[in-house]
């Protein structure tokens, strides 16, 4: 509710979701908030088409989470292929080797030189198939991170109970559409490229993303006639994709087990998120009041309002302490702010208990 209310008040959803996620990380509850979000969306979904919509709070939290824990996997699976693509298309990314041997990757004949469009088309289709196969082979051979696997298992289990035909599609939605393919089309946002790719490189990355998305959802190309040559790639790899999706949804562990406490996050980043969350909630408290009183009820809103007042005092104390250059006092204030944030963002167990009590009443 807080994420929805703040974005409704005009704040950027990505910034709010990232800050909230770090707050929950600060209290070791990253998994709890995502679990809670999944359960809520399943209950609220009126039909299959409304499940896990692109603009949902869960989707925003998921994208912040994968940036927090999924980067090593992306670098292991995608970086080399994407570097090779950038090198061949002329982007200066210091790639060490070249997988492809041509600078043009266009496969839409209407965009090619009419004199030799047919030859260029088939050459570039081969390049696209090669890049897609190399990338998919790395994706399915690399151990899937346990920090992401638990979420995929959760998604599959809860959707299977209500929408049995959607399980692989929902998993593909999160893993490919909102993680792997997102990194392919915006590699600079995930640290794979240092800068935004050129127009030529981006065009090829978009085509590559389309191929992997269709493979993940088991859909052959029809409307985009120039992509139908990629259907044999989809047919040949469909079973491999289904097997891989089943594997990452299984309870078997892959690679080294990690827990949330080992996620790297500098202390100052977490402190800044706590301060930012307080500042924005205080600045937009009237808008929050209008929105959250309806969703949370009068009693819970009054408790949140009292917590905001406490955070306001603590924030003022910290400002005075920082002027005195007292590091220990500042750390103590940060811990007190963290304690107050705990009160404002209770664990999902506490939320469930409150909802059960409300239902009983």
Protein backbone atom coordinates (compact mmCIF):
# COMPACT_ATOMS: atom_id res chain seq x y z
CA UNK A 1 0.00 0.00 0.00
CA UNK A 2 2.82 2.46 0.77
CA UNK A 3 4.44 1.84 -2.63
CA UNK A 4 1.16 2.39 -4.43
CA UNK A 5 0.36 5.51 -2.42
CA UNK A 6 3.76 7.12 -2.99
CA UNK A 7 3.71 6.45 -6.73
CA UNK A 8 0.16 7.79 -6.87
CA UNK A 9 1.49 10.93 -5.16
CA UNK A 10 3.86 11.43 -8.12
CA UNK A 11 7.11 9.72 -7.10
CA UNK A 12 9.00 7.46 -9.51
CA UNK A 13 7.92 3.87 -8.94
CA UNK A 14 11.41 2.43 -9.49
CA UNK A 15 12.93 4.72 -6.86
CA UNK A 16 10.24 3.98 -4.31
CA UNK A 17 10.35 0.21 -4.86
CA UNK A 18 14.16 0.15 -4.61
CA UNK A 19 14.09 2.14 -1.36
CA UNK A 20 11.39 -0.07 0.14
CA UNK A 21 13.31 -3.18 -0.85
CA UNK A 22 16.45 -1.88 0.85
CA UNK A 23 14.40 -1.09 3.95
CA UNK A 24 13.22 -4.67 4.04
CA UNK A 25 16.76 -5.85 3.38
CA UNK A 26 17.87 -3.71 6.33
CA UNK A 27 15.48 -5.75 8.51
CA UNK A 28 16.33 -9.07 6.75
CA UNK A 29 12.90 -9.31 5.16
CA UNK A 30 13.57 -9.11 1.41
CA UNK A 31 11.99 -12.48 0.84
CA UNK A 32 9.10 -11.73 3.16
CA UNK A 33 7.93 -8.68 1.25
CA UNK A 34 8.14 -10.48 -2.11
CA UNK A 35 6.34 -13.52 -0.70
CA UNK A 36 3.65 -11.24 0.71
CA UNK A 37 3.32 -9.46 -2.64
CA UNK A 38 2.89 -12.73 -4.54
CA UNK A 39 0.20 -13.99 -2.18
CA UNK A 40 -1.67 -10.67 -2.38
CA UNK A 41 -1.63 -10.55 -6.17
CA UNK A 42 -2.85 -14.12 -6.47
CA UNK A 43 -5.78 -13.40 -4.16
CA UNK A 44 -6.66 -10.13 -5.91
CA UNK A 45 -6.37 -11.43 -9.50
CA UNK A 46 -9.88 -11.54 -10.92
CA UNK A 47 -8.77 -13.57 -13.96
CA UNK A 48 -5.65 -14.88 -15.64
CA UNK A 49 -5.09 -11.78 -17.77
CA UNK A 50 -4.82 -9.53 -14.68
CA UNK A 51 -2.22 -11.70 -12.93
CA UNK A 52 1.15 -9.98 -12.26
CA UNK A 53 0.50 -6.96 -14.44
CA UNK A 54 3.44 -4.92 -15.68
CA UNK A 55 2.59 -1.95 -13.46
CA UNK A 56 1.91 -3.96 -10.31
CA UNK A 57 3.81 -3.26 -7.04
CA UNK A 58 5.21 -6.80 -7.13
CA UNK A 59 6.69 -6.27 -10.60
CA UNK A 60 8.42 -3.10 -9.39
CA UNK A 61 9.81 -4.83 -6.29
CA UNK A 62 10.96 -7.81 -8.39
CA UNK A 63 12.92 -5.58 -10.77
CA UNK A 64 14.64 -3.92 -7.80
CA UNK A 65 15.37 -7.33 -6.29
CA UNK A 66 16.96 -8.80 -9.42
CA UNK A 67 19.25 -5.78 -9.65
CA UNK A 68 20.26 -6.47 -6.07
CA UNK A 69 20.95 -10.21 -6.35
CA UNK A 70 20.89 -11.16 -10.06
CA UNK A 71 23.77 -9.21 -11.59
CA UNK A 72 26.46 -11.94 -11.21
CA UNK A 73 24.23 -14.41 -13.05
CA UNK A 74 23.61 -11.92 -15.87
CA UNK A 75 27.30 -11.20 -16.23
CA UNK A 76 28.11 -14.93 -16.32
CA UNK A 77 25.48 -15.74 -18.93
CA UNK A 78 25.03 -12.63 -21.08
CA UNK A 79 28.07 -10.38 -20.87
CA UNK A 80 30.38 -12.16 -23.34
CA UNK A 81 27.75 -12.50 -26.07
CA UNK A 82 26.54 -8.91 -25.64
CA UNK A 83 30.12 -7.63 -25.72
CA UNK A 84 30.76 -9.47 -28.98
CA UNK A 85 27.61 -7.95 -30.50
CA UNK A 86 28.68 -4.47 -29.46
CA UNK A 87 32.19 -4.89 -30.85
CA UNK A 88 30.98 -6.00 -34.27
CA UNK A 89 28.43 -3.19 -34.52
CA UNK A 90 31.13 -0.63 -33.77
CA UNK A 91 30.57 0.17 -30.07
CA UNK A 92 33.88 0.66 -28.25
CA UNK A 93 33.47 -1.71 -25.31
CA UNK A 94 36.92 -3.35 -25.40
CA UNK A 95 35.54 -6.79 -26.26
CA UNK A 96 38.39 -9.29 -26.49
CA UNK A 97 36.94 -11.55 -29.17
CA UNK A 98 34.38 -11.40 -31.93
CA UNK A 99 31.76 -14.10 -32.32
CA UNK A 100 30.16 -12.45 -35.33
CA UNK A 101 31.77 -11.22 -38.50
CA UNK A 102 29.48 -8.50 -39.90
CA UNK A 103 28.47 -5.02 -38.83
CA UNK A 104 24.89 -5.10 -40.15
CA UNK A 105 22.35 -7.15 -38.19
CA UNK A 106 19.09 -6.02 -39.76
CA UNK A 107 16.68 -8.82 -40.74
CA UNK A 108 13.81 -6.67 -41.98
CA UNK A 109 14.23 -6.65 -45.77
CA UNK A 110 12.42 -3.32 -46.09
CA UNK A 111 15.27 -1.72 -44.13
CA UNK A 112 18.05 -3.29 -46.20
CA UNK A 113 19.75 -2.11 -49.38
CA UNK A 114 17.53 -3.31 -52.23
CA UNK A 115 20.53 -4.27 -54.38
CA UNK A 116 21.62 -7.11 -52.10
CA UNK A 117 18.78 -7.30 -49.55
CA UNK A 118 18.25 -11.05 -49.97
CA UNK A 119 21.88 -11.96 -49.28
CA UNK A 120 22.15 -9.59 -46.31
CA UNK A 121 18.91 -10.93 -44.89
CA UNK A 122 20.03 -14.58 -44.79
CA UNK A 123 23.49 -13.68 -43.47
CA UNK A 124 22.00 -11.60 -40.67
CA UNK A 125 19.44 -14.29 -39.84
CA UNK A 126 22.36 -16.68 -39.36
CA UNK A 127 24.04 -14.13 -37.09
CA UNK A 128 20.85 -13.81 -35.06
CA UNK A 129 20.47 -17.58 -34.74
CA UNK A 130 24.10 -17.94 -33.67
CA UNK A 131 23.81 -15.21 -31.04
CA UNK A 132 20.51 -16.58 -29.73
CA UNK A 133 21.87 -20.14 -29.52
CA UNK A 134 25.07 -19.06 -27.76
CA UNK A 135 23.12 -17.00 -25.26
CA UNK A 136 20.50 -19.67 -24.58
CA UNK A 137 23.17 -22.35 -24.11
CA UNK A 138 24.85 -20.21 -21.45
CA UNK A 139 21.56 -19.41 -19.74
CA UNK A 140 20.54 -23.05 -19.36
CA UNK A 141 24.00 -24.37 -18.47
CA UNK A 142 24.80 -21.86 -15.71
CA UNK A 143 23.60 -22.62 -12.14
CA UNK A 144 20.49 -20.57 -11.44
CA UNK A 145 21.05 -18.41 -8.31
CA UNK A 146 19.33 -19.65 -5.16
CA UNK A 147 18.44 -16.02 -4.33
CA UNK A 148 16.20 -16.04 -7.44
CA UNK A 149 15.26 -19.72 -7.46
CA UNK A 150 13.21 -19.55 -4.26
CA UNK A 151 11.07 -16.81 -5.85
CA UNK A 152 10.54 -18.79 -9.06
CA UNK A 153 9.50 -21.84 -7.00
CA UNK A 154 7.11 -19.65 -5.01
CA UNK A 155 5.57 -18.16 -8.16
CA UNK A 156 5.06 -21.59 -9.70
CA UNK A 157 3.52 -23.11 -6.58
CA UNK A 158 1.04 -20.35 -5.81
CA UNK A 159 -0.09 -19.91 -9.43
CA UNK A 160 -0.42 -23.65 -9.96
CA UNK A 161 -3.07 -23.84 -7.25
CA UNK A 162 -5.31 -21.33 -9.01
CA UNK A 163 -4.20 -21.13 -12.66
CA UNK A 164 -2.73 -24.54 -13.43
CA UNK A 165 -2.20 -23.81 -17.15
CA UNK A 166 -0.17 -20.66 -16.50
CA UNK A 167 2.73 -21.93 -14.39
CA UNK A 168 5.51 -21.99 -17.01
CA UNK A 169 4.17 -18.83 -18.63
CA UNK A 170 4.26 -16.92 -15.35
CA UNK A 171 7.78 -18.13 -14.60
CA UNK A 172 8.91 -17.15 -18.11
CA UNK A 173 7.28 -13.76 -17.59
CA UNK A 174 9.43 -12.99 -14.57
CA UNK A 175 12.67 -14.72 -15.58
CA UNK A 176 12.84 -13.61 -19.22
CA UNK A 177 10.54 -10.65 -19.84
CA UNK A 178 11.39 -8.90 -16.56
CA UNK A 179 14.95 -10.06 -15.99
CA UNK A 180 17.07 -11.58 -18.78
CA UNK A 181 15.47 -9.82 -21.76
CA UNK A 182 15.30 -6.56 -19.83
CA UNK A 183 19.07 -6.80 -19.29
CA UNK A 184 19.62 -7.62 -22.98
CA UNK A 185 17.76 -4.53 -24.22
CA UNK A 186 19.12 -2.19 -21.50
CA UNK A 187 22.62 -3.60 -20.80
CA UNK A 188 23.89 -0.25 -19.54
CA UNK A 189 21.26 -0.30 -16.75
CA UNK A 190 22.66 -3.63 -15.50
CA UNK A 191 26.33 -2.70 -15.74
CA UNK A 192 27.07 -4.91 -18.78
CA UNK A 193 27.72 -1.87 -21.00
CA UNK A 194 29.25 1.32 -19.67
CA UNK A 195 27.10 3.48 -21.91
CA UNK A 196 23.90 3.28 -23.90
CA UNK A 197 24.36 1.06 -26.98
CA UNK A 198 24.37 2.53 -30.47
CA UNK A 199 21.26 2.42 -32.63
CA UNK A 200 22.66 -0.54 -34.62
CA UNK A 201 23.56 -2.52 -31.50
CA UNK A 202 20.24 -1.76 -29.82
CA UNK A 203 18.34 -2.94 -32.89
CA UNK A 204 20.08 -6.30 -32.77
CA UNK A 205 19.58 -6.60 -29.00
CA UNK A 206 15.85 -5.98 -29.42
CA UNK A 207 15.65 -8.70 -32.08
CA UNK A 208 17.61 -11.07 -29.87
CA UNK A 209 15.29 -10.33 -26.97
CA UNK A 210 12.23 -11.04 -29.12
CA UNK A 211 13.62 -14.43 -30.12
CA UNK A 212 14.28 -15.47 -26.52
CA UNK A 213 10.89 -14.20 -25.36
CA UNK A 214 9.08 -16.21 -28.04
CA UNK A 215 11.15 -19.26 -27.17
CA UNK A 216 10.35 -18.86 -23.46
CA UNK A 217 6.61 -18.62 -24.16
CA UNK A 218 6.70 -21.30 -26.88
CA UNK A 219 5.33 -18.94 -29.54
CA UNK A 220 6.42 -18.96 -33.18
CA UNK A 221 6.64 -15.76 -35.23
CA UNK A 222 3.67 -15.00 -37.50
CA UNK A 223 2.85 -11.29 -37.68
CA UNK A 224 6.48 -10.22 -38.17
CA UNK A 225 7.12 -12.03 -41.42
CA UNK A 226 10.84 -11.22 -41.52
CA UNK A 227 11.29 -13.16 -38.24
CA UNK A 228 9.64 -16.40 -39.38
CA UNK A 229 13.08 -17.78 -40.33
CA UNK A 230 13.72 -17.94 -36.56
CA UNK A 231 10.87 -20.41 -36.02
CA UNK A 232 13.12 -23.41 -36.62
CA UNK A 233 15.34 -22.15 -33.78
CA UNK A 234 12.27 -22.01 -31.52
CA UNK A 235 11.13 -25.48 -32.59
CA UNK A 236 14.56 -27.02 -32.03
CA UNK A 237 14.99 -25.47 -28.58
CA UNK A 238 11.42 -25.58 -27.23
CA UNK A 239 11.91 -28.78 -25.26
CA UNK A 240 15.25 -27.57 -23.90
CA UNK A 241 13.52 -24.40 -22.70
CA UNK A 242 10.67 -26.33 -21.04
CA UNK A 243 13.17 -28.63 -19.34
CA UNK A 244 15.16 -25.65 -18.08
CA UNK A 245 12.04 -23.91 -16.74
CA UNK A 246 11.06 -27.11 -14.96
CA UNK A 247 14.56 -27.39 -13.52
CA UNK A 248 14.70 -23.92 -12.03
CA UNK A 249 11.23 -24.52 -10.53
CA UNK A 250 12.31 -27.75 -8.82
CA UNK A 251 13.36 -27.98 -5.19
CA UNK A 252 16.82 -29.24 -6.12
CA UNK A 253 19.60 -26.80 -5.27
CA UNK A 254 21.90 -25.48 -7.98
CA UNK A 255 25.32 -24.17 -7.06
CA UNK A 256 26.24 -22.56 -3.75
CA UNK A 257 23.45 -21.68 -1.34
CA UNK A 258 23.31 -18.03 -0.34
CA UNK A 259 21.21 -16.19 2.19
CA UNK A 260 19.98 -12.62 2.25
CA UNK A 261 22.55 -11.55 4.82
CA UNK A 262 25.33 -12.09 2.26
CA UNK A 263 23.85 -9.70 -0.30
CA UNK A 264 26.34 -6.88 -0.67
CA UNK A 265 24.86 -3.53 0.31
CA UNK A 266 26.97 -0.75 1.77
CA UNK A 267 25.77 0.57 5.12
CA UNK A 268 25.47 4.12 3.82
CA UNK A 269 23.17 2.94 1.02
CA UNK A 270 20.79 1.40 3.52
CA UNK A 271 20.96 4.47 5.75
CA UNK A 272 20.24 6.75 2.78
CA UNK A 273 17.21 4.65 1.85
CA UNK A 274 15.86 4.94 5.38
CA UNK A 275 16.31 8.72 5.30
CA UNK A 276 14.85 9.01 1.81
CA UNK A 277 11.80 6.93 2.72
CA UNK A 278 11.16 9.09 5.78
CA UNK A 279 11.66 12.32 3.85
CA UNK A 280 9.30 11.39 1.02
CA UNK A 281 6.64 9.97 3.31
CA UNK A 282 6.77 13.09 5.47
CA UNK A 283 6.65 15.41 2.44
CA UNK A 284 3.66 13.55 0.99
CA UNK A 285 1.95 12.71 4.28
CA UNK A 286 -1.31 14.45 3.30
CA UNK A 287 -1.56 12.43 0.07
CA UNK A 288 -0.62 9.28 1.98
CA UNK A 289 -3.25 10.08 4.58
CA UNK A 290 -5.99 10.32 1.97
CA UNK A 291 -4.97 7.09 0.28
CA UNK A 292 -3.81 4.90 3.15
CA UNK A 293 -6.62 5.67 5.58
CA UNK A 294 -8.96 3.93 3.19
CA UNK A 295 -6.66 0.94 2.62
CA UNK A 296 -5.21 0.46 6.11
CA UNK A 297 -7.97 1.80 8.31
CA UNK A 298 -7.95 4.68 10.77
CA UNK A 299 -6.08 2.88 13.55
CA UNK A 300 -3.18 1.70 11.40
CA UNK A 301 -2.87 5.09 9.73
CA UNK A 302 -2.67 6.84 13.11
CA UNK A 303 0.11 4.44 14.15
CA UNK A 304 2.01 5.20 10.94
CA UNK A 305 1.52 8.93 11.49
CA UNK A 306 3.00 8.62 14.99
CA UNK A 307 5.96 6.70 13.53
CA UNK A 308 6.54 9.50 11.03
CA UNK A 309 6.61 11.99 13.89
CA UNK A 310 9.18 9.85 15.70
CA UNK A 311 11.31 9.64 12.55
CA UNK A 312 11.09 13.41 12.13
CA UNK A 313 12.57 13.88 15.60
CA UNK A 314 15.28 11.25 15.00
CA UNK A 315 16.19 12.82 11.67
CA UNK A 316 16.55 16.22 13.31
CA UNK A 317 18.70 14.65 16.04
CA UNK A 318 20.95 13.10 13.40
CA UNK A 319 21.38 16.44 11.65
CA UNK A 320 22.55 18.01 14.91
CA UNK A 321 24.87 15.10 15.62
CA UNK A 322 26.42 15.18 12.14
CA UNK A 323 27.24 18.84 12.65
CA UNK A 324 29.20 17.80 15.76
CA UNK A 325 31.04 15.12 13.70
CA UNK A 326 30.15 12.37 16.13
CA UNK A 327 30.25 9.14 14.15
CA UNK A 328 29.18 6.91 17.03
CA UNK A 329 26.14 9.06 17.79
CA UNK A 330 25.20 9.07 14.11
CA UNK A 331 25.37 5.27 14.03
CA UNK A 332 23.16 5.11 17.12
CA UNK A 333 20.64 7.43 15.48
CA UNK A 334 20.65 5.29 12.34
CA UNK A 335 19.89 2.23 14.45
CA UNK A 336 17.04 4.07 16.17
CA UNK A 337 15.71 5.13 12.76
CA UNK A 338 15.94 1.49 11.67
CA UNK A 339 13.95 0.47 14.73
CA UNK A 340 11.27 3.03 13.87
CA UNK A 341 11.18 1.81 10.28
CA UNK A 342 10.63 -1.71 11.66
CA UNK A 343 7.49 -0.41 13.36
CA UNK A 344 6.25 1.22 10.15
CA UNK A 345 7.00 -1.82 7.97
CA UNK A 346 6.09 -4.84 10.13
CA UNK A 347 6.92 -8.39 9.15
CA UNK A 348 4.51 -10.28 6.92
CA UNK A 349 3.70 -12.56 9.84
CA UNK A 350 2.45 -9.55 11.78
CA UNK A 351 0.45 -8.36 8.75
CA UNK A 352 -1.17 -11.77 8.38
CA UNK A 353 -2.04 -11.89 12.09
CA UNK A 354 -3.63 -8.43 11.84
CA UNK A 355 -5.65 -9.47 8.79
CA UNK A 356 -6.79 -12.67 10.51
CA UNK A 357 -7.89 -10.69 13.55
CA UNK A 358 -9.74 -8.25 11.30
CA UNK A 359 -11.46 -11.13 9.51
CA UNK A 360 -12.54 -12.64 12.82
CA UNK A 361 -14.02 -9.32 13.94
